[in-house]
Amino acid sequence: MKHENITAKKLRNNMTPQEKKLWYYLRNRQIYNCRFRRQSPIGNYIVDFICREKKLIIEIDGGQHNEDKNILYDQKRTEFLQSQGYTVIRFWNNEINDNIEGVLNEIAKYLKNSPTG
């Protein structure tokens, strides 16, 4: 098994509370019948959630993503993912914790208006 697949499997088995919360709403095609996968490899990266048919990646960020080195890494990562044709939407942990309805509305708005699929 490739290293990325082993790492992705470990991440799926050790989801953060925020990932678990969002996954509850994304699984089983609950939003516009779109299929999401979690902790999926794309190139050298593993994305939190992906809907391949709509070319959407959803990332959930904790406070460590506010550190300079991680900001630059995330920018490089996002540029690569966009170069593969994906749109990347990022949410902070506190948005998942405090405003899940708003997060789901943002995701639904993108899926509804997405030209792909």
PDB file of N, CA and C in Angstrom:
ATOM      1  N   MET A   1       0.854  -1.190   0.000  1.00  0.00           N
ATOM      2  CA  MET A   1       0.000   0.000   0.000  1.00  0.00           C
ATOM      3  C   MET A   1       0.893   1.245   0.000  1.00  0.00           C
ATOM      4  N   LYS A   2       0.565   2.223  -0.812  1.00  0.00           N
ATOM      5  CA  LYS A   2       1.359   3.428  -0.916  1.00  0.00           C
ATOM      6  C   LYS A   2       1.330   4.199   0.404  1.00  0.00           C
ATOM      7  N   HIS A   3       2.404   4.938   0.658  1.00  0.00           N
ATOM      8  CA  HIS A   3       2.523   5.716   1.898  1.00  0.00           C
ATOM      9  C   HIS A   3       1.354   6.666   2.105  1.00  0.00           C
ATOM     10  N   GLU A   4       0.919   7.348   1.026  1.00  0.00           N
ATOM     11  CA  GLU A   4      -0.201   8.289   1.145  1.00  0.00           C
ATOM     12  C   GLU A   4      -1.470   7.585   1.584  1.00  0.00           C
ATOM     13  N   ASN A   5      -1.687   6.370   1.065  1.00  0.00           N
ATOM     14  CA  ASN A   5      -2.887   5.619   1.424  1.00  0.00           C
ATOM     15  C   ASN A   5      -2.852   5.173   2.880  1.00  0.00           C
ATOM     16  N   ILE A   6      -1.686   4.795   3.377  1.00  0.00           N
ATOM     17  CA  ILE A   6      -1.545   4.404   4.784  1.00  0.00           C
ATOM     18  C   ILE A   6      -1.801   5.608   5.676  1.00  0.00           C
ATOM     19  N   THR A   7      -1.212   6.745   5.325  1.00  0.00           N
ATOM     20  CA  THR A   7      -1.410   7.963   6.099  1.00  0.00           C
ATOM     21  C   THR A   7      -2.874   8.385   6.063  1.00  0.00           C
ATOM     22  N   ALA A   8      -3.498   8.328   4.909  1.00  0.00           N
ATOM     23  CA  ALA A   8      -4.910   8.703   4.780  1.00  0.00           C
ATOM     24  C   ALA A   8      -5.777   7.805   5.652  1.00  0.00           C
ATOM     25  N   LYS A   9      -5.479   6.522   5.670  1.00  0.00           N
ATOM     26  CA  LYS A   9      -6.255   5.587   6.494  1.00  0.00           C
ATOM     27  C   LYS A   9      -6.102   5.933   7.973  1.00  0.00           C
ATOM     28  N   LYS A  10      -4.887   6.249   8.392  1.00  0.00           N
ATOM     29  CA  LYS A  10      -4.663   6.639   9.789  1.00  0.00           C
ATOM     30  C   LYS A  10      -5.452   7.898  10.129  1.00  0.00           C
ATOM     31  N   LEU A  11      -5.454   8.859   9.210  1.00  0.00           N
ATOM     32  CA  LEU A  11      -6.193  10.098   9.453  1.00  0.00           C
ATOM     33  C   LEU A  11      -7.698   9.838   9.522  1.00  0.00           C
ATOM     34  N   ARG A  12      -8.201   8.952   8.674  1.00  0.00           N
ATOM     35  CA  ARG A  12      -9.627   8.614   8.722  1.00  0.00           C
ATOM     36  C   ARG A  12      -9.999   7.981  10.061  1.00  0.00           C
ATOM     37  N   ASN A  13      -9.081   7.196  10.602  1.00  0.00           N
ATOM     38  CA  ASN A  13      -9.344   6.527  11.875  1.00  0.00           C
ATOM     39  C   ASN A  13      -9.133   7.435  13.080  1.00  0.00           C
ATOM     40  N   ASN A  14      -8.553   8.607  12.877  1.00  0.00           N
ATOM     41  CA  ASN A  14      -8.258   9.531  13.976  1.00  0.00           C
ATOM     42  C   ASN A  14      -8.739  10.936  13.640  1.00  0.00           C
ATOM     43  N   MET A  15      -9.980  11.049  13.231  1.00  0.00           N
ATOM     44  CA  MET A  15     -10.529  12.346  12.835  1.00  0.00           C
ATOM     45  C   MET A  15     -10.639  13.272  14.052  1.00  0.00           C
ATOM     46  N   THR A  16     -10.473  14.562  13.795  1.00  0.00           N
ATOM     47  CA  THR A  16     -10.674  15.554  14.853  1.00  0.00           C
ATOM     48  C   THR A  16     -12.168  15.660  15.148  1.00  0.00           C
ATOM     49  N   PRO A  17     -12.531  16.211  16.295  1.00  0.00           N
ATOM     50  CA  PRO A  17     -13.960  16.388  16.585  1.00  0.00           C
ATOM     51  C   PRO A  17     -14.672  17.209  15.505  1.00  0.00           C
ATOM     52  N   GLN A  18     -13.995  18.202  14.947  1.00  0.00           N
ATOM     53  CA  GLN A  18     -14.601  19.035  13.910  1.00  0.00           C
ATOM     54  C   GLN A  18     -14.785  18.247  12.614  1.00  0.00           C
ATOM     55  N   GLU A  19     -13.815  17.419  12.265  1.00  0.00           N
ATOM     56  CA  GLU A  19     -13.958  16.576  11.074  1.00  0.00           C
ATOM     57  C   GLU A  19     -15.113  15.595  11.250  1.00  0.00           C
ATOM     58  N   LYS A  20     -15.216  15.006  12.432  1.00  0.00           N
ATOM     59  CA  LYS A  20     -16.326  14.077  12.700  1.00  0.00           C
ATOM     60  C   LYS A  20     -17.666  14.792  12.569  1.00  0.00           C
ATOM     61  N   LYS A  21     -17.737  16.009  13.091  1.00  0.00           N
ATOM     62  CA  LYS A  21     -18.991  16.761  13.045  1.00  0.00           C
ATOM     63  C   LYS A  21     -19.391  17.065  11.609  1.00  0.00           C
ATOM     64  N   LEU A  22     -18.446  17.553  10.804  1.00  0.00           N
ATOM     65  CA  LEU A  22     -18.761  17.875   9.418  1.00  0.00           C
ATOM     66  C   LEU A  22     -19.056  16.604   8.624  1.00  0.00           C
ATOM     67  N   TRP A  23     -18.310  15.541   8.862  1.00  0.00           N
ATOM     68  CA  TRP A  23     -18.518  14.286   8.150  1.00  0.00           C
ATOM     69  C   TRP A  23     -19.929  13.760   8.370  1.00  0.00           C
ATOM     70  N   TYR A  24     -20.477  13.973   9.548  1.00  0.00           N
ATOM     71  CA  TYR A  24     -21.838  13.543   9.846  1.00  0.00           C
ATOM     72  C   TYR A  24     -22.824  14.101   8.814  1.00  0.00           C
ATOM     73  N   TYR A  25     -22.564  15.335   8.344  1.00  0.00           N
ATOM     74  CA  TYR A  25     -23.461  15.994   7.380  1.00  0.00           C
ATOM     75  C   TYR A  25     -23.080  15.732   5.922  1.00  0.00           C
ATOM     76  N   LEU A  26     -21.810  15.405   5.675  1.00  0.00           N
ATOM     77  CA  LEU A  26     -21.362  15.208   4.290  1.00  0.00           C
ATOM     78  C   LEU A  26     -21.544  13.772   3.806  1.00  0.00           C
ATOM     79  N   ARG A  27     -21.524  12.831   4.711  1.00  0.00           N
ATOM     80  CA  ARG A  27     -21.574  11.418   4.302  1.00  0.00           C
ATOM     81  C   ARG A  27     -22.943  11.060   3.734  1.00  0.00           C
ATOM     82  N   ASN A  28     -22.987   9.986   3.023  1.00  0.00           N
ATOM     83  CA  ASN A  28     -24.233   9.433   2.464  1.00  0.00           C
ATOM     84  C   ASN A  28     -24.973  10.397   1.536  1.00  0.00           C
ATOM     85  N   ARG A  29     -24.218  11.223   0.815  1.00  0.00           N
ATOM     86  CA  ARG A  29     -24.810  12.102  -0.216  1.00  0.00           C
ATOM     87  C   ARG A  29     -25.940  12.986   0.328  1.00  0.00           C
ATOM     88  N   GLN A  30     -25.752  13.552   1.503  1.00  0.00           N
ATOM     89  CA  GLN A  30     -26.810  14.329   2.147  1.00  0.00           C
ATOM     90  C   GLN A  30     -26.984  15.737   1.579  1.00  0.00           C
ATOM     91  N   ILE A  31     -25.973  16.264   0.900  1.00  0.00           N
ATOM     92  CA  ILE A  31     -26.081  17.614   0.342  1.00  0.00           C
ATOM     93  C   ILE A  31     -26.081  17.507  -1.182  1.00  0.00           C
ATOM     94  N   TYR A  32     -27.194  17.826  -1.794  1.00  0.00           N
ATOM     95  CA  TYR A  32     -27.367  17.783  -3.253  1.00  0.00           C
ATOM     96  C   TYR A  32     -26.916  16.459  -3.859  1.00  0.00           C
ATOM     97  N   ASN A  33     -27.060  15.388  -3.112  1.00  0.00           N
ATOM     98  CA  ASN A  33     -26.715  14.054  -3.580  1.00  0.00           C
ATOM     99  C   ASN A  33     -25.256  13.941  -4.035  1.00  0.00           C
ATOM    100  N   CYS A  34     -24.389  14.771  -3.463  1.00  0.00           N
ATOM    101  CA  CYS A  34     -22.973  14.764  -3.838  1.00  0.00           C
ATOM    102  C   CYS A  34     -22.194  13.823  -2.924  1.00  0.00           C
ATOM    103  N   ARG A  35     -21.342  13.036  -3.532  1.00  0.00           N
ATOM    104  CA  ARG A  35     -20.545  12.068  -2.782  1.00  0.00           C
ATOM    105  C   ARG A  35     -19.240  12.701  -2.336  1.00  0.00           C
ATOM    106  N   PHE A  36     -18.998  12.660  -1.037  1.00  0.00           N
ATOM    107  CA  PHE A  36     -17.741  13.136  -0.458  1.00  0.00           C
ATOM    108  C   PHE A  36     -16.931  11.959   0.048  1.00  0.00           C
ATOM    109  N   ARG A  37     -15.633  12.100  -0.053  1.00  0.00           N
ATOM    110  CA  ARG A  37     -14.687  11.167   0.557  1.00  0.00           C
ATOM    111  C   ARG A  37     -13.915  11.962   1.604  1.00  0.00           C
ATOM    112  N   ARG A  38     -13.394  11.275   2.594  1.00  0.00           N
ATOM    113  CA  ARG A  38     -12.615  11.950   3.624  1.00  0.00           C
ATOM    114  C   ARG A  38     -11.182  11.464   3.591  1.00  0.00           C
ATOM    115  N   GLN A  39     -10.273  12.372   3.935  1.00  0.00           N
ATOM    116  CA  GLN A  39      -8.844  12.069   4.002  1.00  0.00           C
ATOM    117  C   GLN A  39      -8.385  11.344   2.749  1.00  0.00           C
ATOM    118  N   SER A  40      -8.469  12.043   1.636  1.00  0.00           N
ATOM    119  CA  SER A  40      -8.181  11.464   0.325  1.00  0.00           C
ATOM    120  C   SER A  40      -6.888  12.044  -0.246  1.00  0.00           C
ATOM    121  N   PRO A  41      -5.987  11.184  -0.760  1.00  0.00           N
ATOM    122  CA  PRO A  41      -4.743  11.699  -1.355  1.00  0.00           C
ATOM    123  C   PRO A  41      -4.974  12.354  -2.710  1.00  0.00           C
ATOM    124  N   ILE A  42      -4.325  13.506  -2.900  1.00  0.00           N
ATOM    125  CA  ILE A  42      -4.276  14.196  -4.202  1.00  0.00           C
ATOM    126  C   ILE A  42      -2.813  14.615  -4.367  1.00  0.00           C
ATOM    127  N   GLY A  43      -2.130  14.038  -5.304  1.00  0.00           N
ATOM    128  CA  GLY A  43      -0.702  14.323  -5.424  1.00  0.00           C
ATOM    129  C   GLY A  43      -0.003  13.905  -4.135  1.00  0.00           C
ATOM    130  N   ASN A  44       0.820  14.808  -3.598  1.00  0.00           N
ATOM    131  CA  ASN A  44       1.536  14.534  -2.352  1.00  0.00           C
ATOM    132  C   ASN A  44       0.763  14.993  -1.121  1.00  0.00           C
ATOM    133  N   TYR A  45      -0.465  15.404  -1.298  1.00  0.00           N
ATOM    134  CA  TYR A  45      -1.263  15.948  -0.200  1.00  0.00           C
ATOM    135  C   TYR A  45      -2.429  15.028   0.132  1.00  0.00           C
ATOM    136  N   ILE A  46      -2.900  15.158   1.352  1.00  0.00           N
ATOM    137  CA  ILE A  46      -4.119  14.458   1.767  1.00  0.00           C
ATOM    138  C   ILE A  46      -5.108  15.537   2.181  1.00  0.00           C
ATOM    139  N   VAL A  47      -6.243  15.565   1.506  1.00  0.00           N
ATOM    140  CA  VAL A  47      -7.248  16.599   1.769  1.00  0.00           C
ATOM    141  C   VAL A  47      -8.276  16.066   2.766  1.00  0.00           C
ATOM    142  N   ASP A  48      -8.866  16.977   3.536  1.00  0.00           N
ATOM    143  CA  ASP A  48      -9.834  16.567   4.551  1.00  0.00           C
ATOM    144  C   ASP A  48     -11.067  15.934   3.915  1.00  0.00           C
ATOM    145  N   PHE A  49     -11.715  16.660   2.993  1.00  0.00           N
ATOM    146  CA  PHE A  49     -12.922  16.160   2.321  1.00  0.00           C
ATOM    147  C   PHE A  49     -12.870  16.551   0.855  1.00  0.00           C
ATOM    148  N   ILE A  50     -13.330  15.654   0.003  1.00  0.00           N
ATOM    149  CA  ILE A  50     -13.319  15.937  -1.428  1.00  0.00           C
ATOM    150  C   ILE A  50     -14.592  15.409  -2.076  1.00  0.00           C
ATOM    151  N   CYS A  51     -15.130  16.223  -2.976  1.00  0.00           N
ATOM    152  CA  CYS A  51     -16.217  15.805  -3.851  1.00  0.00           C
ATOM    153  C   CYS A  51     -15.634  15.880  -5.262  1.00  0.00           C
ATOM    154  N   ARG A  52     -15.250  14.738  -5.785  1.00  0.00           N
ATOM    155  CA  ARG A  52     -14.575  14.707  -7.093  1.00  0.00           C
ATOM    156  C   ARG A  52     -15.487  15.179  -8.218  1.00  0.00           C
ATOM    157  N   GLU A  53     -16.774  14.812  -8.170  1.00  0.00           N
ATOM    158  CA  GLU A  53     -17.678  15.169  -9.259  1.00  0.00           C
ATOM    159  C   GLU A  53     -17.857  16.679  -9.371  1.00  0.00           C
ATOM    160  N   LYS A  54     -17.788  17.401  -8.255  1.00  0.00           N
ATOM    161  CA  LYS A  54     -17.945  18.864  -8.261  1.00  0.00           C
ATOM    162  C   LYS A  54     -16.608  19.580  -8.130  1.00  0.00           C
ATOM    163  N   LYS A  55     -15.516  18.794  -8.084  1.00  0.00           N
ATOM    164  CA  LYS A  55     -14.158  19.354  -7.999  1.00  0.00           C
ATOM    165  C   LYS A  55     -14.032  20.295  -6.794  1.00  0.00           C
ATOM    166  N   LEU A  56     -14.554  19.854  -5.641  1.00  0.00           N
ATOM    167  CA  LEU A  56     -14.535  20.652  -4.420  1.00  0.00           C
ATOM    168  C   LEU A  56     -13.741  19.937  -3.335  1.00  0.00           C
ATOM    169  N   ILE A  57     -12.864  20.699  -2.690  1.00  0.00           N
ATOM    170  CA  ILE A  57     -12.117  20.221  -1.535  1.00  0.00           C
ATOM    171  C   ILE A  57     -12.486  21.114  -0.361  1.00  0.00           C
ATOM    172  N   ILE A  58     -12.761  20.486   0.779  1.00  0.00           N
ATOM    173  CA  ILE A  58     -13.072  21.214   2.006  1.00  0.00           C
ATOM    174  C   ILE A  58     -11.980  20.901   3.012  1.00  0.00           C
ATOM    175  N   GLU A  59     -11.378  21.953   3.544  1.00  0.00           N
ATOM    176  CA  GLU A  59     -10.337  21.821   4.547  1.00  0.00           C
ATOM    177  C   GLU A  59     -10.822  22.444   5.848  1.00  0.00           C
ATOM    178  N   ILE A  60     -10.516  21.796   6.954  1.00  0.00           N
ATOM    179  CA  ILE A  60     -10.826  22.325   8.280  1.00  0.00           C
ATOM    180  C   ILE A  60      -9.506  22.646   8.959  1.00  0.00           C
ATOM    181  N   ASP A  61      -9.367  23.887   9.376  1.00  0.00           N
ATOM    182  CA  ASP A  61      -8.104  24.364   9.926  1.00  0.00           C
ATOM    183  C   ASP A  61      -8.202  24.684  11.407  1.00  0.00           C
ATOM    184  N   GLY A  62      -7.207  24.222  12.146  1.00  0.00           N
ATOM    185  CA  GLY A  62      -7.053  24.593  13.547  1.00  0.00           C
ATOM    186  C   GLY A  62      -6.122  25.785  13.658  1.00  0.00           C
ATOM    187  N   GLY A  63      -5.859  26.221  14.861  1.00  0.00           N
ATOM    188  CA  GLY A  63      -5.042  27.408  15.110  1.00  0.00           C
ATOM    189  C   GLY A  63      -3.637  27.343  14.543  1.00  0.00           C
ATOM    190  N   GLN A  64      -3.076  26.132  14.419  1.00  0.00           N
ATOM    191  CA  GLN A  64      -1.713  26.000  13.881  1.00  0.00           C
ATOM    192  C   GLN A  64      -1.621  26.519  12.450  1.00  0.00           C
ATOM    193  N   HIS A  65      -2.734  26.610  11.757  1.00  0.00           N
ATOM    194  CA  HIS A  65      -2.729  27.106  10.376  1.00  0.00           C
ATOM    195  C   HIS A  65      -2.545  28.621  10.323  1.00  0.00           C
ATOM    196  N   ASN A  66      -2.546  29.270  11.464  1.00  0.00           N
ATOM    197  CA  ASN A  66      -2.318  30.717  11.544  1.00  0.00           C
ATOM    198  C   ASN A  66      -0.845  31.060  11.717  1.00  0.00           C
ATOM    199  N   GLU A  67       0.010  30.065  11.851  1.00  0.00           N
ATOM    200  CA  GLU A  67       1.449  30.296  11.996  1.00  0.00           C
ATOM    201  C   GLU A  67       2.055  30.526  10.620  1.00  0.00           C
ATOM    202  N   ASP A  68       3.049  31.431  10.564  1.00  0.00           N
ATOM    203  CA  ASP A  68       3.639  31.838   9.283  1.00  0.00           C
ATOM    204  C   ASP A  68       4.041  30.652   8.398  1.00  0.00           C
ATOM    205  N   LYS A  69       4.768  29.677   8.957  1.00  0.00           N
ATOM    206  CA  LYS A  69       5.234  28.550   8.131  1.00  0.00           C
ATOM    207  C   LYS A  69       4.062  27.754   7.571  1.00  0.00           C
ATOM    208  N   ASN A  70       2.986  27.642   8.347  1.00  0.00           N
ATOM    209  CA  ASN A  70       1.827  26.883   7.878  1.00  0.00           C
ATOM    210  C   ASN A  70       0.989  27.680   6.887  1.00  0.00           C
ATOM    211  N   ILE A  71       0.966  28.987   7.028  1.00  0.00           N
ATOM    212  CA  ILE A  71       0.265  29.831   6.052  1.00  0.00           C
ATOM    213  C   ILE A  71       0.893  29.645   4.679  1.00  0.00           C
ATOM    214  N   LEU A  72       2.230  29.673   4.616  1.00  0.00           N
ATOM    215  CA  LEU A  72       2.932  29.492   3.340  1.00  0.00           C
ATOM    216  C   LEU A  72       2.708  28.079   2.787  1.00  0.00           C
ATOM    217  N   TYR A  73       2.759  27.081   3.645  1.00  0.00           N
ATOM    218  CA  TYR A  73       2.524  25.702   3.216  1.00  0.00           C
ATOM    219  C   TYR A  73       1.109  25.559   2.660  1.00  0.00           C
ATOM    220  N   ASP A  74       0.126  26.118   3.364  1.00  0.00           N
ATOM    221  CA  ASP A  74      -1.263  26.027   2.913  1.00  0.00           C
ATOM    222  C   ASP A  74      -1.464  26.737   1.578  1.00  0.00           C
ATOM    223  N   GLN A  75      -0.773  27.870   1.376  1.00  0.00           N
ATOM    224  CA  GLN A  75      -0.883  28.583   0.096  1.00  0.00           C
ATOM    225  C   GLN A  75      -0.343  27.722  -1.034  1.00  0.00           C
ATOM    226  N   LYS A  76       0.818  27.111  -0.821  1.00  0.00           N
ATOM    227  CA  LYS A  76       1.432  26.251  -1.839  1.00  0.00           C
ATOM    228  C   LYS A  76       0.521  25.057  -2.128  1.00  0.00           C
ATOM    229  N   ARG A  77      -0.013  24.480  -1.074  1.00  0.00           N
ATOM    230  CA  ARG A  77      -0.902  23.331  -1.181  1.00  0.00           C
ATOM    231  C   ARG A  77      -2.165  23.696  -1.969  1.00  0.00           C
ATOM    232  N   THR A  78      -2.767  24.828  -1.626  1.00  0.00           N
ATOM    233  CA  THR A  78      -3.977  25.292  -2.307  1.00  0.00           C
ATOM    234  C   THR A  78      -3.692  25.561  -3.782  1.00  0.00           C
ATOM    235  N   GLU A  79      -2.556  26.180  -4.079  1.00  0.00           N
ATOM    236  CA  GLU A  79      -2.193  26.444  -5.480  1.00  0.00           C
ATOM    237  C   GLU A  79      -2.089  25.144  -6.264  1.00  0.00           C
ATOM    238  N   PHE A  80      -1.475  24.120  -5.662  1.00  0.00           N
ATOM    239  CA  PHE A  80      -1.371  22.830  -6.345  1.00  0.00           C
ATOM    240  C   PHE A  80      -2.760  22.244  -6.589  1.00  0.00           C
ATOM    241  N   LEU A  81      -3.598  22.237  -5.562  1.00  0.00           N
ATOM    242  CA  LEU A  81      -4.939  21.652  -5.686  1.00  0.00           C
ATOM    243  C   LEU A  81      -5.759  22.396  -6.737  1.00  0.00           C
ATOM    244  N   GLN A  82      -5.630  23.714  -6.778  1.00  0.00           N
ATOM    245  CA  GLN A  82      -6.326  24.507  -7.794  1.00  0.00           C
ATOM    246  C   GLN A  82      -5.785  24.190  -9.181  1.00  0.00           C
ATOM    247  N   SER A  83      -4.488  23.930  -9.277  1.00  0.00           N
ATOM    248  CA  SER A  83      -3.900  23.591 -10.582  1.00  0.00           C
ATOM    249  C   SER A  83      -4.436  22.252 -11.091  1.00  0.00           C
ATOM    250  N   GLN A  84      -4.984  21.450 -10.197  1.00  0.00           N
ATOM    251  CA  GLN A  84      -5.595  20.173 -10.564  1.00  0.00           C
ATOM    252  C   GLN A  84      -7.080  20.332 -10.871  1.00  0.00           C
ATOM    253  N   GLY A  85      -7.568  21.585 -10.849  1.00  0.00           N
ATOM    254  CA  GLY A  85      -8.951  21.869 -11.207  1.00  0.00           C
ATOM    255  C   GLY A  85      -9.916  21.937 -10.038  1.00  0.00           C
ATOM    256  N   TYR A  86      -9.412  21.892  -8.820  1.00  0.00           N
ATOM    257  CA  TYR A  86     -10.280  21.894  -7.641  1.00  0.00           C
ATOM    258  C   TYR A  86     -10.459  23.298  -7.067  1.00  0.00           C
ATOM    259  N   THR A  87     -11.619  23.521  -6.480  1.00  0.00           N
ATOM    260  CA  THR A  87     -11.866  24.691  -5.642  1.00  0.00           C
ATOM    261  C   THR A  87     -11.648  24.244  -4.205  1.00  0.00           C
ATOM    262  N   VAL A  88     -10.944  25.057  -3.426  1.00  0.00           N
ATOM    263  CA  VAL A  88     -10.670  24.725  -2.033  1.00  0.00           C
ATOM    264  C   VAL A  88     -11.421  25.713  -1.147  1.00  0.00           C
ATOM    265  N   ILE A  89     -12.240  25.180  -0.264  1.00  0.00           N
ATOM    266  CA  ILE A  89     -12.946  25.988   0.728  1.00  0.00           C
ATOM    267  C   ILE A  89     -12.375  25.618   2.089  1.00  0.00           C
ATOM    268  N   ARG A  90     -12.020  26.631   2.865  1.00  0.00           N
ATOM    269  CA  ARG A  90     -11.442  26.399   4.193  1.00  0.00           C
ATOM    270  C   ARG A  90     -12.373  26.934   5.273  1.00  0.00           C
ATOM    271  N   PHE A  91     -12.474  26.167   6.334  1.00  0.00           N
ATOM    272  CA  PHE A  91     -13.217  26.590   7.511  1.00  0.00           C
ATOM    273  C   PHE A  91     -12.329  26.419   8.735  1.00  0.00           C
ATOM    274  N   TRP A  92     -12.490  27.313   9.696  1.00  0.00           N
ATOM    275  CA  TRP A  92     -11.776  27.200  10.962  1.00  0.00           C
ATOM    276  C   TRP A  92     -12.543  26.246  11.871  1.00  0.00           C
ATOM    277  N   ASN A  93     -11.820  25.617  12.784  1.00  0.00           N
ATOM    278  CA  ASN A  93     -12.454  24.728  13.764  1.00  0.00           C
ATOM    279  C   ASN A  93     -13.623  25.405  14.465  1.00  0.00           C
ATOM    280  N   ASN A  94     -13.421  26.673  14.864  1.00  0.00           N
ATOM    281  CA  ASN A  94     -14.490  27.352  15.607  1.00  0.00           C
ATOM    282  C   ASN A  94     -15.731  27.580  14.747  1.00  0.00           C
ATOM    283  N   GLU A  95     -15.576  27.681  13.431  1.00  0.00           N
ATOM    284  CA  GLU A  95     -16.750  27.794  12.561  1.00  0.00           C
ATOM    285  C   GLU A  95     -17.557  26.497  12.588  1.00  0.00           C
ATOM    286  N   ILE A  96     -16.860  25.372  12.587  1.00  0.00           N
ATOM    287  CA  ILE A  96     -17.535  24.073  12.663  1.00  0.00           C
ATOM    288  C   ILE A  96     -18.230  23.948  14.027  1.00  0.00           C
ATOM    289  N   ASN A  97     -17.524  24.341  15.084  1.00  0.00           N
ATOM    290  CA  ASN A  97     -18.067  24.221  16.437  1.00  0.00           C
ATOM    291  C   ASN A  97     -19.258  25.145  16.673  1.00  0.00           C
ATOM    292  N   ASP A  98     -19.154  26.385  16.199  1.00  0.00           N
ATOM    293  CA  ASP A  98     -20.116  27.423  16.586  1.00  0.00           C
ATOM    294  C   ASP A  98     -21.158  27.760  15.528  1.00  0.00           C
ATOM    295  N   ASN A  99     -20.926  27.367  14.271  1.00  0.00           N
ATOM    296  CA  ASN A  99     -21.830  27.783  13.204  1.00  0.00           C
ATOM    297  C   ASN A  99     -21.915  26.723  12.111  1.00  0.00           C
ATOM    298  N   ILE A 100     -22.230  25.507  12.489  1.00  0.00           N
ATOM    299  CA  ILE A 100     -22.271  24.414  11.499  1.00  0.00           C
ATOM    300  C   ILE A 100     -23.304  24.707  10.414  1.00  0.00           C
ATOM    301  N   GLU A 101     -24.401  25.359  10.769  1.00  0.00           N
ATOM    302  CA  GLU A 101     -25.416  25.681   9.758  1.00  0.00           C
ATOM    303  C   GLU A 101     -24.841  26.611   8.694  1.00  0.00           C
ATOM    304  N   GLY A 102     -24.079  27.611   9.116  1.00  0.00           N
ATOM    305  CA  GLY A 102     -23.453  28.528   8.171  1.00  0.00           C
ATOM    306  C   GLY A 102     -22.443  27.819   7.279  1.00  0.00           C
ATOM    307  N   VAL A 103     -21.677  26.908   7.857  1.00  0.00           N
ATOM    308  CA  VAL A 103     -20.708  26.119   7.098  1.00  0.00           C
ATOM    309  C   VAL A 103     -21.438  25.282   6.049  1.00  0.00           C
ATOM    310  N   LEU A 104     -22.487  24.601   6.466  1.00  0.00           N
ATOM    311  CA  LEU A 104     -23.248  23.760   5.533  1.00  0.00           C
ATOM    312  C   LEU A 104     -23.903  24.599   4.440  1.00  0.00           C
ATOM    313  N   ASN A 105     -24.353  25.791   4.781  1.00  0.00           N
ATOM    314  CA  ASN A 105     -24.926  26.684   3.769  1.00  0.00           C
ATOM    315  C   ASN A 105     -23.889  27.093   2.731  1.00  0.00           C
ATOM    316  N   GLU A 106     -22.670  27.383   3.174  1.00  0.00           N
ATOM    317  CA  GLU A 106     -21.593  27.738   2.237  1.00  0.00           C
ATOM    318  C   GLU A 106     -21.285  26.576   1.295  1.00  0.00           C
ATOM    319  N   ILE A 107     -21.203  25.384   1.846  1.00  0.00           N
ATOM    320  CA  ILE A 107     -20.926  24.195   1.035  1.00  0.00           C
ATOM    321  C   ILE A 107     -22.064  23.966   0.046  1.00  0.00           C
ATOM    322  N   ALA A 108     -23.292  24.043   0.526  1.00  0.00           N
ATOM    323  CA  ALA A 108     -24.461  23.831  -0.343  1.00  0.00           C
ATOM    324  C   ALA A 108     -24.514  24.867  -1.452  1.00  0.00           C
ATOM    325  N   LYS A 109     -24.193  26.119  -1.121  1.00  0.00           N
ATOM    326  CA  LYS A 109     -24.211  27.189  -2.120  1.00  0.00           C
ATOM    327  C   LYS A 109     -23.208  26.879  -3.235  1.00  0.00           C
ATOM    328  N   TYR A 110     -22.027  26.426  -2.867  1.00  0.00           N
ATOM    329  CA  TYR A 110     -21.040  26.079  -3.878  1.00  0.00           C
ATOM    330  C   TYR A 110     -21.532  24.900  -4.729  1.00  0.00           C
ATOM    331  N   LEU A 111     -22.017  23.856  -4.074  1.00  0.00           N
ATOM    332  CA  LEU A 111     -22.461  22.673  -4.808  1.00  0.00           C
ATOM    333  C   LEU A 111     -23.609  22.993  -5.747  1.00  0.00           C
ATOM    334  N   LYS A 112     -24.519  23.831  -5.307  1.00  0.00           N
ATOM    335  CA  LYS A 112     -25.684  24.198  -6.125  1.00  0.00           C
ATOM    336  C   LYS A 112     -25.263  24.978  -7.370  1.00  0.00           C
ATOM    337  N   ASN A 113     -24.268  25.850  -7.195  1.00  0.00           N
ATOM    338  CA  ASN A 113     -23.843  26.729  -8.284  1.00  0.00           C
ATOM    339  C   ASN A 113     -22.652  26.199  -9.074  1.00  0.00           C
ATOM    340  N   SER A 114     -22.157  25.034  -8.724  1.00  0.00           N
ATOM    341  CA  SER A 114     -20.987  24.484  -9.385  1.00  0.00           C
ATOM    342  C   SER A 114     -21.305  24.105 -10.823  1.00  0.00           C
ATOM    343  N   PRO A 115     -20.458  24.540 -11.763  1.00  0.00           N
ATOM    344  CA  PRO A 115     -20.692  24.191 -13.163  1.00  0.00           C
ATOM    345  C   PRO A 115     -20.258  22.778 -13.508  1.00  0.00           C
ATOM    346  N   THR A 116     -19.482  22.146 -12.634  1.00  0.00           N
ATOM    347  CA  THR A 116     -18.971  20.810 -12.938  1.00  0.00           C
ATOM    348  C   THR A 116     -19.947  19.750 -12.480  1.00  0.00           C
ATOM    349  N   GLY A 117     -19.676  18.546 -12.899  1.00  0.00           N
ATOM    350  CA  GLY A 117     -20.481  17.425 -12.406  1.00  0.00           C
ATOM    351  C   GLY A 117     -21.400  16.858 -13.448  1.00  0.00           C
TER     352      GLY A 117
END
